[in-house]
PDB file of N, CA and C in Angstrom:
ATOM      1  N   MET A   1      72.560 111.203 154.543  1.00  0.00           N
ATOM      2  CA  MET A   1      72.531 111.695 155.902  1.00  0.00           C
ATOM      3  C   MET A   1      71.153 112.318 156.174  1.00  0.00           C
ATOM      4  N   THR A   2      70.560 111.969 157.290  1.00  0.00           N
ATOM      5  CA  THR A   2      69.260 112.500 157.674  1.00  0.00           C
ATOM      6  C   THR A   2      69.445 113.857 158.332  1.00  0.00           C
ATOM      7  N   PRO A   3      68.741 114.896 157.844  1.00  0.00           N
ATOM      8  CA  PRO A   3      68.877 116.210 158.475  1.00  0.00           C
ATOM      9  C   PRO A   3      68.297 116.200 159.892  1.00  0.00           C
ATOM     10  N   VAL A   4      68.931 116.934 160.756  1.00  0.00           N
ATOM     11  CA  VAL A   4      68.483 117.041 162.140  1.00  0.00           C
ATOM     12  C   VAL A   4      67.809 118.396 162.301  1.00  0.00           C
ATOM     13  N   SER A   5      66.615 118.403 162.846  1.00  0.00           N
ATOM     14  CA  SER A   5      65.916 119.673 163.018  1.00  0.00           C
ATOM     15  C   SER A   5      66.616 120.509 164.076  1.00  0.00           C
ATOM     16  N   GLU A   6      66.472 121.806 163.919  1.00  0.00           N
ATOM     17  CA  GLU A   6      67.142 122.737 164.838  1.00  0.00           C
ATOM     18  C   GLU A   6      66.674 122.551 166.274  1.00  0.00           C
ATOM     19  N   THR A   7      65.438 122.126 166.470  1.00  0.00           N
ATOM     20  CA  THR A   7      64.909 121.996 167.821  1.00  0.00           C
ATOM     21  C   THR A   7      65.173 120.636 168.441  1.00  0.00           C
ATOM     22  N   SER A   8      65.741 119.705 167.696  1.00  0.00           N
ATOM     23  CA  SER A   8      65.972 118.380 168.268  1.00  0.00           C
ATOM     24  C   SER A   8      67.340 118.251 168.911  1.00  0.00           C
ATOM     25  N   ARG A   9      68.135 119.247 168.816  1.00  0.00           N
ATOM     26  CA  ARG A   9      69.479 119.217 169.398  1.00  0.00           C
ATOM     27  C   ARG A   9      69.446 119.699 170.846  1.00  0.00           C
ATOM     28  N   ASN A  10      70.565 119.484 171.530  1.00  0.00           N
ATOM     29  CA  ASN A  10      70.678 119.953 172.914  1.00  0.00           C
ATOM     30  C   ASN A  10      71.143 121.395 172.997  1.00  0.00           C
ATOM     31  N   VAL A  11      71.372 122.024 171.865  1.00  0.00           N
ATOM     32  CA  VAL A  11      71.759 123.435 171.850  1.00  0.00           C
ATOM     33  C   VAL A  11      70.724 124.199 171.039  1.00  0.00           C
ATOM     34  N   ILE A  12      70.663 125.502 171.277  1.00  0.00           N
ATOM     35  CA  ILE A  12      69.697 126.338 170.569  1.00  0.00           C
ATOM     36  C   ILE A  12      70.341 127.691 170.309  1.00  0.00           C
ATOM     37  N   SER A  13      70.008 128.276 169.223  1.00  0.00           N
ATOM     38  CA  SER A  13      70.496 129.604 168.875  1.00  0.00           C
ATOM     39  C   SER A  13      69.876 130.638 169.819  1.00  0.00           C
ATOM     40  N   SER A  14      70.677 131.618 170.226  1.00  0.00           N
ATOM     41  CA  SER A  14      70.138 132.673 171.091  1.00  0.00           C
ATOM     42  C   SER A  14      69.009 133.411 170.382  1.00  0.00           C
ATOM     43  N   GLU A  15      69.075 133.459 169.078  1.00  0.00           N
ATOM     44  CA  GLU A  15      68.021 134.112 168.305  1.00  0.00           C
ATOM     45  C   GLU A  15      66.669 133.438 168.530  1.00  0.00           C
ATOM     46  N   ARG A  16      66.675 132.120 168.692  1.00  0.00           N
ATOM     47  CA  ARG A  16      65.425 131.384 168.931  1.00  0.00           C
ATOM     48  C   ARG A  16      64.964 131.507 170.382  1.00  0.00           C
ATOM     49  N   VAL A  17      65.882 131.760 171.311  1.00  0.00           N
ATOM     50  CA  VAL A  17      65.518 131.910 172.719  1.00  0.00           C
ATOM     51  C   VAL A  17      64.864 133.268 172.952  1.00  0.00           C
ATOM     52  N   GLU A  18      65.415 134.300 172.326  1.00  0.00           N
ATOM     53  CA  GLU A  18      64.849 135.640 172.478  1.00  0.00           C
ATOM     54  C   GLU A  18      63.427 135.656 171.947  1.00  0.00           C
ATOM     55  N   GLY A  19      62.519 136.159 172.742  1.00  0.00           N
ATOM     56  CA  GLY A  19      61.107 136.188 172.384  1.00  0.00           C
ATOM     57  C   GLY A  19      60.315 135.005 172.909  1.00  0.00           C
ATOM     58  N   THR A  20      61.009 134.022 173.485  1.00  0.00           N
ATOM     59  CA  THR A  20      60.332 132.851 174.034  1.00  0.00           C
ATOM     60  C   THR A  20      59.583 133.235 175.309  1.00  0.00           C
ATOM     61  N   ALA A  21      58.398 132.722 175.463  1.00  0.00           N
ATOM     62  CA  ALA A  21      57.570 133.017 176.637  1.00  0.00           C
ATOM     63  C   ALA A  21      58.155 132.380 177.891  1.00  0.00           C
ATOM     64  N   VAL A  22      57.904 133.049 179.022  1.00  0.00           N
ATOM     65  CA  VAL A  22      58.297 132.544 180.339  1.00  0.00           C
ATOM     66  C   VAL A  22      57.036 132.483 181.184  1.00  0.00           C
ATOM     67  N   TYR A  23      56.844 131.326 181.839  1.00  0.00           N
ATOM     68  CA  TYR A  23      55.635 131.070 182.614  1.00  0.00           C
ATOM     69  C   TYR A  23      55.954 130.781 184.073  1.00  0.00           C
ATOM     70  N   SER A  24      54.971 131.023 184.923  1.00  0.00           N
ATOM     71  CA  SER A  24      55.043 130.583 186.315  1.00  0.00           C
ATOM     72  C   SER A  24      54.671 129.098 186.338  1.00  0.00           C
ATOM     73  N   PRO A  25      54.924 128.401 187.450  1.00  0.00           N
ATOM     74  CA  PRO A  25      54.517 126.994 187.537  1.00  0.00           C
ATOM     75  C   PRO A  25      53.010 126.787 187.344  1.00  0.00           C
ATOM     76  N   SER A  26      52.203 127.803 187.687  1.00  0.00           N
ATOM     77  CA  SER A  26      50.748 127.671 187.530  1.00  0.00           C
ATOM     78  C   SER A  26      50.288 127.929 186.102  1.00  0.00           C
ATOM     79  N   GLY A  27      51.206 128.323 185.237  1.00  0.00           N
ATOM     80  CA  GLY A  27      50.864 128.539 183.836  1.00  0.00           C
ATOM     81  C   GLY A  27      50.646 129.979 183.437  1.00  0.00           C
ATOM     82  N   ASP A  28      50.747 130.925 184.391  1.00  0.00           N
ATOM     83  CA  ASP A  28      50.606 132.339 184.053  1.00  0.00           C
ATOM     84  C   ASP A  28      51.809 132.787 183.237  1.00  0.00           C
ATOM     85  N   LYS A  29      51.549 133.496 182.134  1.00  0.00           N
ATOM     86  CA  LYS A  29      52.645 134.037 181.347  1.00  0.00           C
ATOM     87  C   LYS A  29      53.230 135.237 182.082  1.00  0.00           C
ATOM     88  N   LEU A  30      54.535 135.184 182.358  1.00  0.00           N
ATOM     89  CA  LEU A  30      55.199 136.247 183.092  1.00  0.00           C
ATOM     90  C   LEU A  30      55.851 137.273 182.171  1.00  0.00           C
ATOM     91  N   GLY A  31      56.141 136.888 180.965  1.00  0.00           N
ATOM     92  CA  GLY A  31      56.807 137.776 180.023  1.00  0.00           C
ATOM     93  C   GLY A  31      57.522 136.972 178.964  1.00  0.00           C
ATOM     94  N   THR A  32      58.491 137.604 178.321  1.00  0.00           N
ATOM     95  CA  THR A  32      59.283 136.926 177.306  1.00  0.00           C
ATOM     96  C   THR A  32      60.760 137.218 177.538  1.00  0.00           C
ATOM     97  N   ILE A  33      61.598 136.358 176.987  1.00  0.00           N
ATOM     98  CA  ILE A  33      63.043 136.578 177.095  1.00  0.00           C
ATOM     99  C   ILE A  33      63.440 137.609 176.053  1.00  0.00           C
ATOM    100  N   ASP A  34      64.058 138.673 176.525  1.00  0.00           N
ATOM    101  CA  ASP A  34      64.495 139.750 175.648  1.00  0.00           C
ATOM    102  C   ASP A  34      65.958 139.599 175.255  1.00  0.00           C
ATOM    103  N   ASP A  35      66.754 139.036 176.151  1.00  0.00           N
ATOM    104  CA  ASP A  35      68.189 138.984 175.919  1.00  0.00           C
ATOM    105  C   ASP A  35      68.808 137.896 176.784  1.00  0.00           C
ATOM    106  N   LEU A  36      69.997 137.475 176.425  1.00  0.00           N
ATOM    107  CA  LEU A  36      70.778 136.544 177.243  1.00  0.00           C
ATOM    108  C   LEU A  36      72.084 137.229 177.610  1.00  0.00           C
ATOM    109  N   MET A  37      72.494 137.062 178.854  1.00  0.00           N
ATOM    110  CA  MET A  37      73.767 137.610 179.309  1.00  0.00           C
ATOM    111  C   MET A  37      74.725 136.435 179.486  1.00  0.00           C
ATOM    112  N   ILE A  38      75.825 136.469 178.725  1.00  0.00           N
ATOM    113  CA  ILE A  38      76.764 135.349 178.655  1.00  0.00           C
ATOM    114  C   ILE A  38      78.090 135.748 179.273  1.00  0.00           C
ATOM    115  N   ASP A  39      78.633 134.884 180.127  1.00  0.00           N
ATOM    116  CA  ASP A  39      79.945 135.114 180.727  1.00  0.00           C
ATOM    117  C   ASP A  39      81.004 135.032 179.628  1.00  0.00           C
ATOM    118  N   LYS A  40      81.817 136.086 179.481  1.00  0.00           N
ATOM    119  CA  LYS A  40      82.799 136.133 178.403  1.00  0.00           C
ATOM    120  C   LYS A  40      83.889 135.075 178.550  1.00  0.00           C
ATOM    121  N   VAL A  41      84.225 134.712 179.772  1.00  0.00           N
ATOM    122  CA  VAL A  41      85.312 133.761 179.993  1.00  0.00           C
ATOM    123  C   VAL A  41      84.834 132.321 179.862  1.00  0.00           C
ATOM    124  N   SER A  42      83.751 131.964 180.570  1.00  0.00           N
ATOM    125  CA  SER A  42      83.292 130.572 180.563  1.00  0.00           C
ATOM    126  C   SER A  42      82.426 130.244 179.348  1.00  0.00           C
ATOM    127  N   GLY A  43      81.794 131.267 178.767  1.00  0.00           N
ATOM    128  CA  GLY A  43      80.890 131.042 177.650  1.00  0.00           C
ATOM    129  C   GLY A  43      79.515 130.568 178.074  1.00  0.00           C
ATOM    130  N   GLN A  44      79.259 130.505 179.373  1.00  0.00           N
ATOM    131  CA  GLN A  44      77.964 130.030 179.857  1.00  0.00           C
ATOM    132  C   GLN A  44      76.978 131.187 180.007  1.00  0.00           C
ATOM    133  N   VAL A  45      75.711 130.873 179.768  1.00  0.00           N
ATOM    134  CA  VAL A  45      74.659 131.867 179.966  1.00  0.00           C
ATOM    135  C   VAL A  45      74.491 132.080 181.459  1.00  0.00           C
ATOM    136  N   CYS A  46      74.551 133.327 181.891  1.00  0.00           N
ATOM    137  CA  CYS A  46      74.375 133.665 183.314  1.00  0.00           C
ATOM    138  C   CYS A  46      72.938 134.082 183.620  1.00  0.00           C
ATOM    139  N   PHE A  47      72.367 134.922 182.755  1.00  0.00           N
ATOM    140  CA  PHE A  47      71.034 135.466 183.000  1.00  0.00           C
ATOM    141  C   PHE A  47      70.213 135.480 181.722  1.00  0.00           C
ATOM    142  N   ALA A  48      68.938 135.224 181.890  1.00  0.00           N
ATOM    143  CA  ALA A  48      67.961 135.506 180.845  1.00  0.00           C
ATOM    144  C   ALA A  48      67.304 136.811 181.277  1.00  0.00           C
ATOM    145  N   VAL A  49      67.272 137.784 180.397  1.00  0.00           N
ATOM    146  CA  VAL A  49      66.661 139.068 180.738  1.00  0.00           C
ATOM    147  C   VAL A  49      65.211 139.012 180.286  1.00  0.00           C
ATOM    148  N   LEU A  50      64.329 139.044 181.265  1.00  0.00           N
ATOM    149  CA  LEU A  50      62.899 138.916 181.036  1.00  0.00           C
ATOM    150  C   LEU A  50      62.285 140.284 180.781  1.00  0.00           C
ATOM    151  N   GLU A  51      61.497 140.385 179.717  1.00  0.00           N
ATOM    152  CA  GLU A  51      60.750 141.601 179.426  1.00  0.00           C
ATOM    153  C   GLU A  51      59.382 141.441 180.063  1.00  0.00           C
ATOM    154  N   PHE A  52      59.014 142.414 180.887  1.00  0.00           N
ATOM    155  CA  PHE A  52      57.800 142.276 181.679  1.00  0.00           C
ATOM    156  C   PHE A  52      57.237 143.649 181.969  1.00  0.00           C
ATOM    157  N   GLY A  53      55.945 143.786 181.932  1.00  0.00           N
ATOM    158  CA  GLY A  53      55.305 145.042 182.283  1.00  0.00           C
ATOM    159  C   GLY A  53      55.114 145.945 181.086  1.00  0.00           C
ATOM    160  N   GLY A  54      54.594 147.095 181.337  1.00  0.00           N
ATOM    161  CA  GLY A  54      54.371 148.065 180.274  1.00  0.00           C
ATOM    162  C   GLY A  54      53.184 147.700 179.407  1.00  0.00           C
ATOM    163  N   PHE A  55      52.993 148.513 178.377  1.00  0.00           N
ATOM    164  CA  PHE A  55      51.892 148.305 177.436  1.00  0.00           C
ATOM    165  C   PHE A  55      52.389 148.652 176.049  1.00  0.00           C
ATOM    166  N   LEU A  56      52.290 147.699 175.131  1.00  0.00           N
ATOM    167  CA  LEU A  56      52.748 147.875 173.753  1.00  0.00           C
ATOM    168  C   LEU A  56      54.205 148.334 173.690  1.00  0.00           C
ATOM    169  N   GLY A  57      55.024 147.793 174.593  1.00  0.00           N
ATOM    170  CA  GLY A  57      56.449 148.116 174.591  1.00  0.00           C
ATOM    171  C   GLY A  57      56.805 149.405 175.309  1.00  0.00           C
ATOM    172  N   ILE A  58      55.798 150.147 175.786  1.00  0.00           N
ATOM    173  CA  ILE A  58      56.055 151.398 176.498  1.00  0.00           C
ATOM    174  C   ILE A  58      56.046 151.118 177.987  1.00  0.00           C
ATOM    175  N   GLY A  59      57.083 151.554 178.677  1.00  0.00           N
ATOM    176  CA  GLY A  59      57.185 151.338 180.113  1.00  0.00           C
ATOM    177  C   GLY A  59      57.604 149.928 180.483  1.00  0.00           C
ATOM    178  N   THR A  60      58.107 149.201 179.499  1.00  0.00           N
ATOM    179  CA  THR A  60      58.536 147.831 179.744  1.00  0.00           C
ATOM    180  C   THR A  60      59.889 147.829 180.429  1.00  0.00           C
ATOM    181  N   ASP A  61      60.028 147.055 181.477  1.00  0.00           N
ATOM    182  CA  ASP A  61      61.292 146.937 182.184  1.00  0.00           C
ATOM    183  C   ASP A  61      61.959 145.615 181.859  1.00  0.00           C
ATOM    184  N   ARG A  62      63.234 145.515 182.203  1.00  0.00           N
ATOM    185  CA  ARG A  62      64.030 144.305 182.006  1.00  0.00           C
ATOM    186  C   ARG A  62      64.376 143.721 183.369  1.00  0.00           C
ATOM    187  N   TYR A  63      64.137 142.423 183.524  1.00  0.00           N
ATOM    188  CA  TYR A  63      64.361 141.719 184.780  1.00  0.00           C
ATOM    189  C   TYR A  63      65.330 140.565 184.532  1.00  0.00           C
ATOM    190  N   PRO A  64      66.584 140.682 184.977  1.00  0.00           N
ATOM    191  CA  PRO A  64      67.502 139.553 184.812  1.00  0.00           C
ATOM    192  C   PRO A  64      67.143 138.428 185.780  1.00  0.00           C
ATOM    193  N   VAL A  65      67.044 137.224 185.248  1.00  0.00           N
ATOM    194  CA  VAL A  65      66.738 136.035 186.043  1.00  0.00           C
ATOM    195  C   VAL A  65      67.878 135.045 185.821  1.00  0.00           C
ATOM    196  N   PRO A  66      68.449 134.488 186.886  1.00  0.00           N
ATOM    197  CA  PRO A  66      69.525 133.513 186.697  1.00  0.00           C
ATOM    198  C   PRO A  66      69.080 132.390 185.758  1.00  0.00           C
ATOM    199  N   TRP A  67      69.909 132.112 184.773  1.00  0.00           N
ATOM    200  CA  TRP A  67      69.594 131.095 183.766  1.00  0.00           C
ATOM    201  C   TRP A  67      69.283 129.744 184.397  1.00  0.00           C
ATOM    202  N   SER A  68      69.957 129.444 185.504  1.00  0.00           N
ATOM    203  CA  SER A  68      69.758 128.147 186.162  1.00  0.00           C
ATOM    204  C   SER A  68      68.332 127.958 186.676  1.00  0.00           C
ATOM    205  N   MET A  69      67.559 129.021 186.779  1.00  0.00           N
ATOM    206  CA  MET A  69      66.183 128.924 187.275  1.00  0.00           C
ATOM    207  C   MET A  69      65.184 128.557 186.177  1.00  0.00           C
ATOM    208  N   LEU A  70      65.582 128.640 184.924  1.00  0.00           N
ATOM    209  CA  LEU A  70      64.661 128.391 183.828  1.00  0.00           C
ATOM    210  C   LEU A  70      64.692 126.931 183.395  1.00  0.00           C
ATOM    211  N   ASP A  71      63.525 126.360 183.237  1.00  0.00           N
ATOM    212  CA  ASP A  71      63.377 124.999 182.719  1.00  0.00           C
ATOM    213  C   ASP A  71      62.495 125.073 181.483  1.00  0.00           C
ATOM    214  N   TYR A  72      62.950 124.463 180.406  1.00  0.00           N
ATOM    215  CA  TYR A  72      62.159 124.491 179.179  1.00  0.00           C
ATOM    216  C   TYR A  72      61.034 123.466 179.267  1.00  0.00           C
ATOM    217  N   ASP A  73      59.820 123.900 178.940  1.00  0.00           N
ATOM    218  CA  ASP A  73      58.642 123.044 178.938  1.00  0.00           C
ATOM    219  C   ASP A  73      58.203 122.851 177.487  1.00  0.00           C
ATOM    220  N   VAL A  74      58.395 121.662 176.981  1.00  0.00           N
ATOM    221  CA  VAL A  74      58.084 121.364 175.585  1.00  0.00           C
ATOM    222  C   VAL A  74      56.609 121.606 175.287  1.00  0.00           C
ATOM    223  N   ALA A  75      55.729 121.219 176.192  1.00  0.00           N
ATOM    224  CA  ALA A  75      54.290 121.371 175.959  1.00  0.00           C
ATOM    225  C   ALA A  75      53.894 122.846 175.837  1.00  0.00           C
ATOM    226  N   ARG A  76      54.507 123.699 176.625  1.00  0.00           N
ATOM    227  CA  ARG A  76      54.192 125.129 176.583  1.00  0.00           C
ATOM    228  C   ARG A  76      55.014 125.874 175.537  1.00  0.00           C
ATOM    229  N   GLU A  77      56.052 125.200 175.032  1.00  0.00           N
ATOM    230  CA  GLU A  77      56.997 125.831 174.111  1.00  0.00           C
ATOM    231  C   GLU A  77      57.546 127.118 174.711  1.00  0.00           C
ATOM    232  N   GLY A  78      57.867 127.035 175.995  1.00  0.00           N
ATOM    233  CA  GLY A  78      58.416 128.182 176.711  1.00  0.00           C
ATOM    234  C   GLY A  78      59.119 127.720 177.969  1.00  0.00           C
ATOM    235  N   TYR A  79      59.681 128.666 178.672  1.00  0.00           N
ATOM    236  CA  TYR A  79      60.412 128.379 179.899  1.00  0.00           C
ATOM    237  C   TYR A  79      59.510 128.565 181.111  1.00  0.00           C
ATOM    238  N   VAL A  80      59.758 127.779 182.141  1.00  0.00           N
ATOM    239  CA  VAL A  80      59.031 127.883 183.401  1.00  0.00           C
ATOM    240  C   VAL A  80      60.035 128.249 184.475  1.00  0.00           C
ATOM    241  N   VAL A  81      59.666 129.220 185.303  1.00  0.00           N
ATOM    242  CA  VAL A  81      60.499 129.620 186.435  1.00  0.00           C
ATOM    243  C   VAL A  81      59.681 129.459 187.711  1.00  0.00           C
ATOM    244  N   PRO A  82      60.331 129.119 188.819  1.00  0.00           N
ATOM    245  CA  PRO A  82      59.599 128.946 190.081  1.00  0.00           C
ATOM    246  C   PRO A  82      59.282 130.294 190.737  1.00  0.00           C
ATOM    247  N   LEU A  83      58.615 131.159 189.987  1.00  0.00           N
ATOM    248  CA  LEU A  83      58.317 132.518 190.443  1.00  0.00           C
ATOM    249  C   LEU A  83      56.894 132.874 190.061  1.00  0.00           C
ATOM    250  N   ASP A  84      56.375 133.900 190.722  1.00  0.00           N
ATOM    251  CA  ASP A  84      55.094 134.451 190.315  1.00  0.00           C
ATOM    252  C   ASP A  84      55.291 135.937 190.024  1.00  0.00           C
ATOM    253  N   LYS A  85      54.249 136.598 189.541  1.00  0.00           N
ATOM    254  CA  LYS A  85      54.370 138.011 189.158  1.00  0.00           C
ATOM    255  C   LYS A  85      54.774 138.892 190.326  1.00  0.00           C
ATOM    256  N   ASP A  86      54.259 138.605 191.524  1.00  0.00           N
ATOM    257  CA  ASP A  86      54.609 139.420 192.685  1.00  0.00           C
ATOM    258  C   ASP A  86      56.103 139.369 192.978  1.00  0.00           C
ATOM    259  N   ARG A  87      56.682 138.185 192.889  1.00  0.00           N
ATOM    260  CA  ARG A  87      58.125 138.028 193.149  1.00  0.00           C
ATOM    261  C   ARG A  87      58.944 138.759 192.088  1.00  0.00           C
ATOM    262  N   ILE A  88      58.529 138.667 190.849  1.00  0.00           N
ATOM    263  CA  ILE A  88      59.276 139.335 189.778  1.00  0.00           C
ATOM    264  C   ILE A  88      59.157 140.856 189.880  1.00  0.00           C
ATOM    265  N   THR A  89      57.993 141.373 190.226  1.00  0.00           N
ATOM    266  CA  THR A  89      57.843 142.835 190.285  1.00  0.00           C
ATOM    267  C   THR A  89      58.725 143.467 191.355  1.00  0.00           C
ATOM    268  N   GLN A  90      59.171 142.679 192.326  1.00  0.00           N
ATOM    269  CA  GLN A  90      60.057 143.187 193.373  1.00  0.00           C
ATOM    270  C   GLN A  90      61.534 142.938 193.050  1.00  0.00           C
ATOM    271  N   ALA A  91      61.811 142.276 191.944  1.00  0.00           N
ATOM    272  CA  ALA A  91      63.175 141.861 191.583  1.00  0.00           C
ATOM    273  C   ALA A  91      64.006 143.031 191.047  1.00  0.00           C
ATOM    274  N   PRO A  92      65.323 142.869 191.048  1.00  0.00           N
ATOM    275  CA  PRO A  92      66.173 143.878 190.399  1.00  0.00           C
ATOM    276  C   PRO A  92      65.746 144.033 188.941  1.00  0.00           C
ATOM    277  N   ARG A  93      65.709 145.281 188.484  1.00  0.00           N
ATOM    278  CA  ARG A  93      65.275 145.558 187.119  1.00  0.00           C
ATOM    279  C   ARG A  93      65.881 146.867 186.640  1.00  0.00           C
ATOM    280  N   TYR A  94      65.713 147.101 185.350  1.00  0.00           N
ATOM    281  CA  TYR A  94      66.149 148.364 184.761  1.00  0.00           C
ATOM    282  C   TYR A  94      65.263 148.659 183.554  1.00  0.00           C
ATOM    283  N   ALA A  95      65.233 149.931 183.173  1.00  0.00           N
ATOM    284  CA  ALA A  95      64.380 150.363 182.072  1.00  0.00           C
ATOM    285  C   ALA A  95      64.871 149.813 180.738  1.00  0.00           C
ATOM    286  N   LYS A  96      63.942 149.671 179.817  1.00  0.00           N
ATOM    287  CA  LYS A  96      64.246 149.126 178.489  1.00  0.00           C
ATOM    288  C   LYS A  96      65.358 149.903 177.797  1.00  0.00           C
ATOM    289  N   ASP A  97      65.374 151.211 177.947  1.00  0.00           N
ATOM    290  CA  ASP A  97      66.361 152.038 177.253  1.00  0.00           C
ATOM    291  C   ASP A  97      67.654 152.244 178.044  1.00  0.00           C
ATOM    292  N   GLU A  98      67.783 151.599 179.193  1.00  0.00           N
ATOM    293  CA  GLU A  98      68.990 151.726 180.017  1.00  0.00           C
ATOM    294  C   GLU A  98      69.974 150.600 179.678  1.00  0.00           C
ATOM    295  N   MET A  99      71.236 150.943 179.562  1.00  0.00           N
ATOM    296  CA  MET A  99      72.277 149.936 179.367  1.00  0.00           C
ATOM    297  C   MET A  99      72.824 149.585 180.746  1.00  0.00           C
ATOM    298  N   ARG A 100      72.590 148.383 181.200  1.00  0.00           N
ATOM    299  CA  ARG A 100      72.991 147.954 182.546  1.00  0.00           C
ATOM    300  C   ARG A 100      74.342 147.267 182.492  1.00  0.00           C
ATOM    301  N   ASP A 101      75.236 147.644 183.418  1.00  0.00           N
ATOM    302  CA  ASP A 101      76.539 147.003 183.542  1.00  0.00           C
ATOM    303  C   ASP A 101      76.395 145.816 184.487  1.00  0.00           C
ATOM    304  N   TYR A 102      76.605 144.628 183.977  1.00  0.00           N
ATOM    305  CA  TYR A 102      76.514 143.419 184.793  1.00  0.00           C
ATOM    306  C   TYR A 102      77.851 143.167 185.467  1.00  0.00           C
ATOM    307  N   ASP A 103      78.263 144.119 186.302  1.00  0.00           N
ATOM    308  CA  ASP A 103      79.514 143.944 187.031  1.00  0.00           C
ATOM    309  C   ASP A 103      79.306 142.898 188.127  1.00  0.00           C
ATOM    310  N   PRO A 104      80.393 142.437 188.762  1.00  0.00           N
ATOM    311  CA  PRO A 104      80.243 141.379 189.775  1.00  0.00           C
ATOM    312  C   PRO A 104      79.258 141.729 190.892  1.00  0.00           C
ATOM    313  N   GLU A 105      79.233 142.986 191.325  1.00  0.00           N
ATOM    314  CA  GLU A 105      78.323 143.375 192.409  1.00  0.00           C
ATOM    315  C   GLU A 105      76.862 143.260 191.971  1.00  0.00           C
ATOM    316  N   TYR A 106      76.543 143.752 190.776  1.00  0.00           N
ATOM    317  CA  TYR A 106      75.167 143.665 190.288  1.00  0.00           C
ATOM    318  C   TYR A 106      74.753 142.205 190.120  1.00  0.00           C
ATOM    319  N   SER A 107      75.628 141.403 189.549  1.00  0.00           N
ATOM    320  CA  SER A 107      75.328 139.978 189.359  1.00  0.00           C
ATOM    321  C   SER A 107      75.090 139.289 190.698  1.00  0.00           C
ATOM    322  N   ARG A 108      75.902 139.605 191.704  1.00  0.00           N
ATOM    323  CA  ARG A 108      75.709 139.034 193.046  1.00  0.00           C
ATOM    324  C   ARG A 108      74.360 139.451 193.614  1.00  0.00           C
ATOM    325  N   ASN A 109      73.992 140.717 193.424  1.00  0.00           N
ATOM    326  CA  ASN A 109      72.705 141.204 193.935  1.00  0.00           C
ATOM    327  C   ASN A 109      71.528 140.460 193.299  1.00  0.00           C
ATOM    328  N   VAL A 110      71.599 140.246 191.989  1.00  0.00           N
ATOM    329  CA  VAL A 110      70.531 139.521 191.303  1.00  0.00           C
ATOM    330  C   VAL A 110      70.475 138.087 191.817  1.00  0.00           C
ATOM    331  N   ASN A 111      71.625 137.419 191.854  1.00  0.00           N
ATOM    332  CA  ASN A 111      71.660 136.029 192.336  1.00  0.00           C
ATOM    333  C   ASN A 111      71.179 135.924 193.779  1.00  0.00           C
ATOM    334  N   SER A 112      71.562 136.892 194.607  1.00  0.00           N
ATOM    335  CA  SER A 112      71.147 136.891 196.015  1.00  0.00           C
ATOM    336  C   SER A 112      69.624 137.050 196.132  1.00  0.00           C
ATOM    337  N   TYR A 113      69.044 137.923 195.321  1.00  0.00           N
ATOM    338  CA  TYR A 113      67.595 138.118 195.374  1.00  0.00           C
ATOM    339  C   TYR A 113      66.860 136.814 195.100  1.00  0.00           C
ATOM    340  N   TYR A 114      67.358 136.041 194.161  1.00  0.00           N
ATOM    341  CA  TYR A 114      66.712 134.775 193.797  1.00  0.00           C
ATOM    342  C   TYR A 114      67.221 133.586 194.617  1.00  0.00           C
ATOM    343  N   GLY A 115      68.217 133.822 195.463  1.00  0.00           N
ATOM    344  CA  GLY A 115      68.720 132.747 196.325  1.00  0.00           C
ATOM    345  C   GLY A 115      69.535 131.708 195.605  1.00  0.00           C
ATOM    346  N   VAL A 116      70.238 132.128 194.556  1.00  0.00           N
ATOM    347  CA  VAL A 116      71.113 131.200 193.847  1.00  0.00           C
ATOM    348  C   VAL A 116      72.547 131.708 193.897  1.00  0.00           C
ATOM    349  N   GLY A 117      73.478 130.792 193.723  1.00  0.00           N
ATOM    350  CA  GLY A 117      74.881 131.166 193.722  1.00  0.00           C
ATOM    351  C   GLY A 117      75.350 131.518 192.323  1.00  0.00           C
ATOM    352  N   PRO A 118      76.550 132.041 192.222  1.00  0.00           N
ATOM    353  CA  PRO A 118      77.101 132.351 190.901  1.00  0.00           C
ATOM    354  C   PRO A 118      77.399 131.083 190.116  1.00  0.00           C
ATOM    355  N   LEU A 119      77.750 131.243 188.846  1.00  0.00           N
ATOM    356  CA  LEU A 119      78.110 130.093 187.993  1.00  0.00           C
ATOM    357  C   LEU A 119      79.106 129.195 188.658  1.00  0.00           C
TER     358      LEU A 119
END
């Protein structure tokens, strides 16, 4: 049996997604994925939490972005979102040390900001 590399499959470990770079369409690095928020019932990823801002991890905020907005770019070895830094800096966010409750209202607010519907 020929071994299949971890990156050649249609699925990926969340461990490999965390830390992956996120870029704008123009190629500007917007940040990295810090976490994934998964719907407990459907098992689908709802949000990628983007780490953005700060310096050396200090003052870094978390920006949830609907998973449906991310497209993996093999050449960049990262995700591309149809956003720029200005759009993200105005997005819903929370501090690195804050535990955010992704209740239905918060999830709707995030999806509404980006103009996407729920799962």
